Amino acid sequence: MQPQQPTALPRPSRNRLLFREQFPDERVILMLRKDFVFLLAGMWVEILLALGLIVLVIAGLVLDWEFVRKGWFWIAWLLGALSVAFWGFVDWFNWRYDLYIITDRRIVDSTRRFPFRKKLAEAQLDRVQDTSYIKDGLLANVFNYGTIIIQTAGEAANFQWDGMPDPMRAQAVLRQAVEEDLRRDAAQRTAGLR
């Protein structure tokens, strides 16, 4: 009986690129972003401010506060609401476009900061020496997220992917990709000897 294979993304068609830096003949095995809990945790101030703005209007209308009928109040309220919405958009953008990718060739850590900063780090699969994951605390275990640590050989820095959903599965997929890369390299070497 063969061991159960971890599930991964379906194979994309050869002409469909899933991220900007993907090579045309490269297959994405798993694409991750931080767990949704991290988006909510990063937006708690915006959520509280938005609720505060809503409560202020409702209380002002129900209690018939005089300043709620003034034009300056609605201008200030609208500016506050737009500021909170923009701040929330920035947090969402940063969460949405931080990608952690395992392909059939390499691992890619692509982070963006609104609006103009992008950082890309990558390592070939044959440089991966060790992988581990940490699920620390009650929330991490309840919501099943954690940190994946990838140690690489050479000058490249080690990778630490925080807030990854289902880190045990992601580590298994990465380990399987590294093993397949090693088998492919060994097959190419033996074919070259013939």
C-alpha atoms as a PDB file:
ATOM      1  CA  MET A   1       0.000   0.000   0.000  1.00  0.00           C
ATOM      2  CA  GLN A   2       1.393   3.381  -0.982  1.00  0.00           C
ATOM      3  CA  PRO A   3       1.469   6.286   1.496  1.00  0.00           C
ATOM      4  CA  GLN A   4      -1.283   8.845   1.085  1.00  0.00           C
ATOM      5  CA  GLN A   5      -0.179  11.799  -1.027  1.00  0.00           C
ATOM      6  CA  PRO A   6      -0.833  15.280   0.381  1.00  0.00           C
ATOM      7  CA  THR A   7      -3.330  17.258  -1.628  1.00  0.00           C
ATOM      8  CA  ALA A   8      -2.074  20.168  -3.701  1.00  0.00           C
ATOM      9  CA  LEU A   9      -3.345  22.639  -6.245  1.00  0.00           C
ATOM     10  CA  PRO A  10      -4.536  21.133  -9.510  1.00  0.00           C
ATOM     11  CA  ARG A  11      -2.027  21.249 -12.320  1.00  0.00           C
ATOM     12  CA  PRO A  12      -2.504  24.482 -14.243  1.00  0.00           C
ATOM     13  CA  SER A  13      -2.439  24.420 -18.004  1.00  0.00           C
ATOM     14  CA  ARG A  14       1.034  25.050 -19.399  1.00  0.00           C
ATOM     15  CA  ASN A  15       0.168  28.508 -20.748  1.00  0.00           C
ATOM     16  CA  ARG A  16      -1.487  29.803 -17.554  1.00  0.00           C
ATOM     17  CA  LEU A  17       0.857  31.602 -15.164  1.00  0.00           C
ATOM     18  CA  LEU A  18      -0.336  31.844 -11.563  1.00  0.00           C
ATOM     19  CA  PHE A  19       2.155  34.489 -10.428  1.00  0.00           C
ATOM     20  CA  ARG A  20       4.175  37.121 -12.244  1.00  0.00           C
ATOM     21  CA  GLU A  21       7.641  35.590 -11.746  1.00  0.00           C
ATOM     22  CA  GLN A  22       6.607  32.083 -12.767  1.00  0.00           C
ATOM     23  CA  PHE A  23       8.568  30.512 -15.601  1.00  0.00           C
ATOM     24  CA  PRO A  24       6.466  29.318 -18.567  1.00  0.00           C
ATOM     25  CA  ASP A  25       7.456  25.666 -18.047  1.00  0.00           C
ATOM     26  CA  GLU A  26       7.253  25.790 -14.240  1.00  0.00           C
ATOM     27  CA  ARG A  27       4.403  24.017 -12.432  1.00  0.00           C
ATOM     28  CA  VAL A  28       2.955  25.497  -9.236  1.00  0.00           C
ATOM     29  CA  ILE A  29       2.425  22.792  -6.634  1.00  0.00           C
ATOM     30  CA  LEU A  30       1.115  24.908  -3.760  1.00  0.00           C
ATOM     31  CA  MET A  31       0.392  28.615  -3.398  1.00  0.00           C
ATOM     32  CA  LEU A  32      -0.242  29.967   0.098  1.00  0.00           C
ATOM     33  CA  ARG A  33      -1.051  33.237   1.759  1.00  0.00           C
ATOM     34  CA  LYS A  34      -1.346  33.973   5.447  1.00  0.00           C
ATOM     35  CA  ASP A  35      -4.431  32.630   7.155  1.00  0.00           C
ATOM     36  CA  PHE A  36      -7.537  34.858   7.056  1.00  0.00           C
ATOM     37  CA  VAL A  37      -7.252  35.218  10.840  1.00  0.00           C
ATOM     38  CA  PHE A  38      -4.138  37.347  10.245  1.00  0.00           C
ATOM     39  CA  LEU A  39      -6.068  39.721   8.003  1.00  0.00           C
ATOM     40  CA  LEU A  40      -8.701  40.183  10.683  1.00  0.00           C
ATOM     41  CA  ALA A  41      -6.072  40.564  13.393  1.00  0.00           C
ATOM     42  CA  GLY A  42      -4.283  43.205  11.309  1.00  0.00           C
ATOM     43  CA  MET A  43      -7.528  45.101  10.761  1.00  0.00           C
ATOM     44  CA  TRP A  44      -8.863  45.178  14.319  1.00  0.00           C
ATOM     45  CA  VAL A  45      -8.295  48.929  14.674  1.00  0.00           C
ATOM     46  CA  GLU A  46     -10.094  49.652  11.391  1.00  0.00           C
ATOM     47  CA  ILE A  47     -12.987  47.375  12.396  1.00  0.00           C
ATOM     48  CA  LEU A  48     -13.351  49.143  15.752  1.00  0.00           C
ATOM     49  CA  LEU A  49     -13.175  52.581  14.127  1.00  0.00           C
ATOM     50  CA  ALA A  50     -15.781  51.609  11.506  1.00  0.00           C
ATOM     51  CA  LEU A  51     -18.090  50.293  14.217  1.00  0.00           C
ATOM     52  CA  GLY A  52     -17.513  53.486  16.209  1.00  0.00           C
ATOM     53  CA  LEU A  53     -18.480  55.643  13.225  1.00  0.00           C
ATOM     54  CA  ILE A  54     -21.655  53.611  12.690  1.00  0.00           C
ATOM     55  CA  VAL A  55     -22.602  53.731  16.390  1.00  0.00           C
ATOM     56  CA  LEU A  56     -21.986  57.498  16.423  1.00  0.00           C
ATOM     57  CA  VAL A  57     -24.447  58.093  13.588  1.00  0.00           C
ATOM     58  CA  ILE A  58     -27.086  55.713  14.968  1.00  0.00           C
ATOM     59  CA  ALA A  59     -26.804  57.158  18.483  1.00  0.00           C
ATOM     60  CA  GLY A  60     -26.910  60.694  17.115  1.00  0.00           C
ATOM     61  CA  LEU A  61     -30.053  59.996  15.108  1.00  0.00           C
ATOM     62  CA  VAL A  62     -31.837  58.012  17.839  1.00  0.00           C
ATOM     63  CA  LEU A  63     -30.937  60.460  20.612  1.00  0.00           C
ATOM     64  CA  ASP A  64     -31.523  63.438  18.317  1.00  0.00           C
ATOM     65  CA  TRP A  65     -28.149  65.060  18.889  1.00  0.00           C
ATOM     66  CA  GLU A  66     -28.157  68.502  17.319  1.00  0.00           C
ATOM     67  CA  PHE A  67     -24.691  68.293  15.720  1.00  0.00           C
ATOM     68  CA  VAL A  68     -25.746  65.261  13.634  1.00  0.00           C
ATOM     69  CA  ARG A  69     -27.946  67.615  11.581  1.00  0.00           C
ATOM     70  CA  LYS A  70     -24.999  69.901  10.767  1.00  0.00           C
ATOM     71  CA  GLY A  71     -23.198  69.711   7.426  1.00  0.00           C
ATOM     72  CA  TRP A  72     -19.720  69.822   8.985  1.00  0.00           C
ATOM     73  CA  PHE A  73     -20.516  66.618  10.930  1.00  0.00           C
ATOM     74  CA  TRP A  74     -21.299  64.671   7.751  1.00  0.00           C
ATOM     75  CA  ILE A  75     -18.203  66.002   6.004  1.00  0.00           C
ATOM     76  CA  ALA A  76     -16.026  64.979   8.977  1.00  0.00           C
ATOM     77  CA  TRP A  77     -17.832  61.611   9.214  1.00  0.00           C
ATOM     78  CA  LEU A  78     -17.329  60.944   5.505  1.00  0.00           C
ATOM     79  CA  LEU A  79     -13.621  61.858   5.710  1.00  0.00           C
ATOM     80  CA  GLY A  80     -13.252  59.522   8.701  1.00  0.00           C
ATOM     81  CA  ALA A  81     -15.078  56.704   6.906  1.00  0.00           C
ATOM     82  CA  LEU A  82     -12.945  57.137   3.779  1.00  0.00           C
ATOM     83  CA  SER A  83      -9.759  57.136   5.877  1.00  0.00           C
ATOM     84  CA  VAL A  84     -10.788  53.933   7.654  1.00  0.00           C
ATOM     85  CA  ALA A  85     -11.745  52.310   4.322  1.00  0.00           C
ATOM     86  CA  PHE A  86      -8.403  53.273   2.753  1.00  0.00           C
ATOM     87  CA  TRP A  87      -6.463  51.974   5.769  1.00  0.00           C
ATOM     88  CA  GLY A  88      -8.432  48.711   5.576  1.00  0.00           C
ATOM     89  CA  PHE A  89      -7.704  48.463   1.833  1.00  0.00           C
ATOM     90  CA  VAL A  90      -3.967  48.819   2.487  1.00  0.00           C
ATOM     91  CA  ASP A  91      -4.074  45.998   5.052  1.00  0.00           C
ATOM     92  CA  TRP A  92      -6.088  43.817   2.668  1.00  0.00           C
ATOM     93  CA  PHE A  93      -3.702  44.565  -0.229  1.00  0.00           C
ATOM     94  CA  ASN A  94      -0.667  43.610   1.842  1.00  0.00           C
ATOM     95  CA  TRP A  95      -2.368  40.373   2.970  1.00  0.00           C
ATOM     96  CA  ARG A  96      -3.707  39.482  -0.506  1.00  0.00           C
ATOM     97  CA  TYR A  97      -0.448  39.956  -2.388  1.00  0.00           C
ATOM     98  CA  ASP A  98       1.928  38.249   0.048  1.00  0.00           C
ATOM     99  CA  LEU A  99       2.388  34.877  -1.651  1.00  0.00           C
ATOM    100  CA  TYR A 100       4.334  31.849  -0.524  1.00  0.00           C
ATOM    101  CA  ILE A 101       4.766  29.428  -3.413  1.00  0.00           C
ATOM    102  CA  ILE A 102       6.144  25.926  -3.919  1.00  0.00           C
ATOM    103  CA  THR A 103       6.785  24.974  -7.537  1.00  0.00           C
ATOM    104  CA  ASP A 104       8.362  21.943  -9.136  1.00  0.00           C
ATOM    105  CA  ARG A 105      11.676  23.882  -9.240  1.00  0.00           C
ATOM    106  CA  ARG A 106      11.852  26.295  -6.308  1.00  0.00           C
ATOM    107  CA  ILE A 107      10.232  27.986  -3.353  1.00  0.00           C
ATOM    108  CA  VAL A 108       9.241  31.625  -3.747  1.00  0.00           C
ATOM    109  CA  ASP A 109       8.491  34.189  -1.039  1.00  0.00           C
ATOM    110  CA  SER A 110       6.855  37.226  -2.660  1.00  0.00           C
ATOM    111  CA  THR A 111       5.801  40.089  -0.384  1.00  0.00           C
ATOM    112  CA  ARG A 112       4.294  43.410  -1.385  1.00  0.00           C
ATOM    113  CA  ARG A 113       3.701  46.545   0.610  1.00  0.00           C
ATOM    114  CA  PHE A 114       1.207  49.047  -0.696  1.00  0.00           C
ATOM    115  CA  PRO A 115       1.779  50.785  -3.008  1.00  0.00           C
ATOM    116  CA  PHE A 116       5.286  50.423  -4.462  1.00  0.00           C
ATOM    117  CA  ARG A 117       7.424  47.978  -2.471  1.00  0.00           C
ATOM    118  CA  LYS A 118       7.914  44.389  -3.566  1.00  0.00           C
ATOM    119  CA  LYS A 119      10.371  41.850  -2.176  1.00  0.00           C
ATOM    120  CA  LEU A 120      11.042  38.473  -3.776  1.00  0.00           C
ATOM    121  CA  ALA A 121      13.173  35.723  -2.297  1.00  0.00           C
ATOM    122  CA  GLU A 122      13.576  32.290  -3.822  1.00  0.00           C
ATOM    123  CA  ALA A 123      15.594  29.119  -3.443  1.00  0.00           C
ATOM    124  CA  GLN A 124      15.921  26.126  -5.721  1.00  0.00           C
ATOM    125  CA  LEU A 125      14.438  22.934  -4.323  1.00  0.00           C
ATOM    126  CA  ASP A 126      17.838  21.226  -4.346  1.00  0.00           C
ATOM    127  CA  ARG A 127      19.046  23.889  -1.863  1.00  0.00           C
ATOM    128  CA  VAL A 128      16.362  22.998   0.717  1.00  0.00           C
ATOM    129  CA  GLN A 129      18.011  21.071   3.534  1.00  0.00           C
ATOM    130  CA  ASP A 130      15.384  20.924   6.236  1.00  0.00           C
ATOM    131  CA  THR A 131      11.784  21.935   6.862  1.00  0.00           C
ATOM    132  CA  SER A 132       9.822  22.243  10.067  1.00  0.00           C
ATOM    133  CA  TYR A 133       6.664  23.860  11.321  1.00  0.00           C
ATOM    134  CA  ILE A 134       5.485  25.379  14.586  1.00  0.00           C
ATOM    135  CA  LYS A 135       1.909  25.722  15.812  1.00  0.00           C
ATOM    136  CA  ASP A 136       2.228  27.873  18.913  1.00  0.00           C
ATOM    137  CA  GLY A 137      -0.678  28.736  21.154  1.00  0.00           C
ATOM    138  CA  LEU A 138      -4.384  28.094  21.473  1.00  0.00           C
ATOM    139  CA  LEU A 139      -5.464  30.187  18.461  1.00  0.00           C
ATOM    140  CA  ALA A 140      -2.897  28.542  16.177  1.00  0.00           C
ATOM    141  CA  ASN A 141      -4.192  25.112  17.126  1.00  0.00           C
ATOM    142  CA  VAL A 142      -7.884  26.050  16.956  1.00  0.00           C
ATOM    143  CA  PHE A 143      -7.587  27.806  13.588  1.00  0.00           C
ATOM    144  CA  ASN A 144      -4.846  25.430  12.316  1.00  0.00           C
ATOM    145  CA  TYR A 145      -2.183  27.907  11.289  1.00  0.00           C
ATOM    146  CA  GLY A 146       1.495  28.119  12.084  1.00  0.00           C
ATOM    147  CA  THR A 147       4.999  28.973  10.980  1.00  0.00           C
ATOM    148  CA  ILE A 148       6.878  26.989   8.355  1.00  0.00           C
ATOM    149  CA  ILE A 149      10.665  27.173   8.612  1.00  0.00           C
ATOM    150  CA  ILE A 150      12.728  26.217   5.577  1.00  0.00           C
ATOM    151  CA  GLN A 151      16.491  25.883   5.979  1.00  0.00           C
ATOM    152  CA  THR A 152      18.490  26.252   2.797  1.00  0.00           C
ATOM    153  CA  ALA A 153      22.102  25.565   1.853  1.00  0.00           C
ATOM    154  CA  GLY A 154      24.608  28.191   0.832  1.00  0.00           C
ATOM    155  CA  GLU A 155      24.405  31.949   1.023  1.00  0.00           C
ATOM    156  CA  ALA A 156      20.624  32.133   0.732  1.00  0.00           C
ATOM    157  CA  ALA A 157      18.798  33.116   3.884  1.00  0.00           C
ATOM    158  CA  ASN A 158      16.477  30.665   5.554  1.00  0.00           C
ATOM    159  CA  PHE A 159      12.765  31.154   4.965  1.00  0.00           C
ATOM    160  CA  GLN A 160      10.218  31.677   7.706  1.00  0.00           C
ATOM    161  CA  TRP A 161       6.613  31.714   6.547  1.00  0.00           C
ATOM    162  CA  ASP A 162       4.431  32.953   9.417  1.00  0.00           C
ATOM    163  CA  GLY A 163       0.686  32.457   9.642  1.00  0.00           C
ATOM    164  CA  MET A 164       0.423  29.639   7.104  1.00  0.00           C
ATOM    165  CA  PRO A 165      -2.829  27.674   7.031  1.00  0.00           C
ATOM    166  CA  ASP A 166      -2.473  23.934   7.689  1.00  0.00           C
ATOM    167  CA  PRO A 167       1.320  24.009   8.148  1.00  0.00           C
ATOM    168  CA  MET A 168       1.597  20.231   8.491  1.00  0.00           C
ATOM    169  CA  ARG A 169       0.108  19.711   5.012  1.00  0.00           C
ATOM    170  CA  ALA A 170       2.215  22.502   3.499  1.00  0.00           C
ATOM    171  CA  GLN A 171       5.379  21.005   4.971  1.00  0.00           C
ATOM    172  CA  ALA A 172       4.432  17.573   3.575  1.00  0.00           C
ATOM    173  CA  VAL A 173       3.849  19.059   0.107  1.00  0.00           C
ATOM    174  CA  LEU A 174       7.211  20.850   0.264  1.00  0.00           C
ATOM    175  CA  ARG A 175       9.008  17.709   1.434  1.00  0.00           C
ATOM    176  CA  GLN A 176       7.408  15.733  -1.415  1.00  0.00           C
ATOM    177  CA  ALA A 177       8.440  18.400  -3.981  1.00  0.00           C
ATOM    178  CA  VAL A 178      12.041  18.288  -2.720  1.00  0.00           C
ATOM    179  CA  GLU A 179      12.091  14.485  -2.936  1.00  0.00           C
ATOM    180  CA  GLU A 180      10.684  14.543  -6.477  1.00  0.00           C
ATOM    181  CA  ASP A 181      13.321  17.117  -7.468  1.00  0.00           C
ATOM    182  CA  LEU A 182      16.072  14.874  -6.051  1.00  0.00           C
ATOM    183  CA  ARG A 183      14.695  11.850  -7.942  1.00  0.00           C
ATOM    184  CA  ARG A 184      14.505  13.877 -11.165  1.00  0.00           C
ATOM    185  CA  ASP A 185      18.115  15.072 -10.748  1.00  0.00           C
ATOM    186  CA  ALA A 186      19.296  11.508 -10.030  1.00  0.00           C
ATOM    187  CA  ALA A 187      17.480  10.202 -13.124  1.00  0.00           C
ATOM    188  CA  GLN A 188      19.062  12.920 -15.285  1.00  0.00           C
ATOM    189  CA  ARG A 189      22.521  12.106 -13.939  1.00  0.00           C
ATOM    190  CA  THR A 190      22.156   8.390 -14.591  1.00  0.00           C
ATOM    191  CA  ALA A 191      20.773   9.071 -18.074  1.00  0.00           C
ATOM    192  CA  GLY A 192      23.824  11.278 -18.755  1.00  0.00           C
ATOM    193  CA  LEU A 193      26.181   8.444 -17.760  1.00  0.00           C
ATOM    194  CA  ARG A 194      24.787   6.147 -20.453  1.00  0.00           C
END
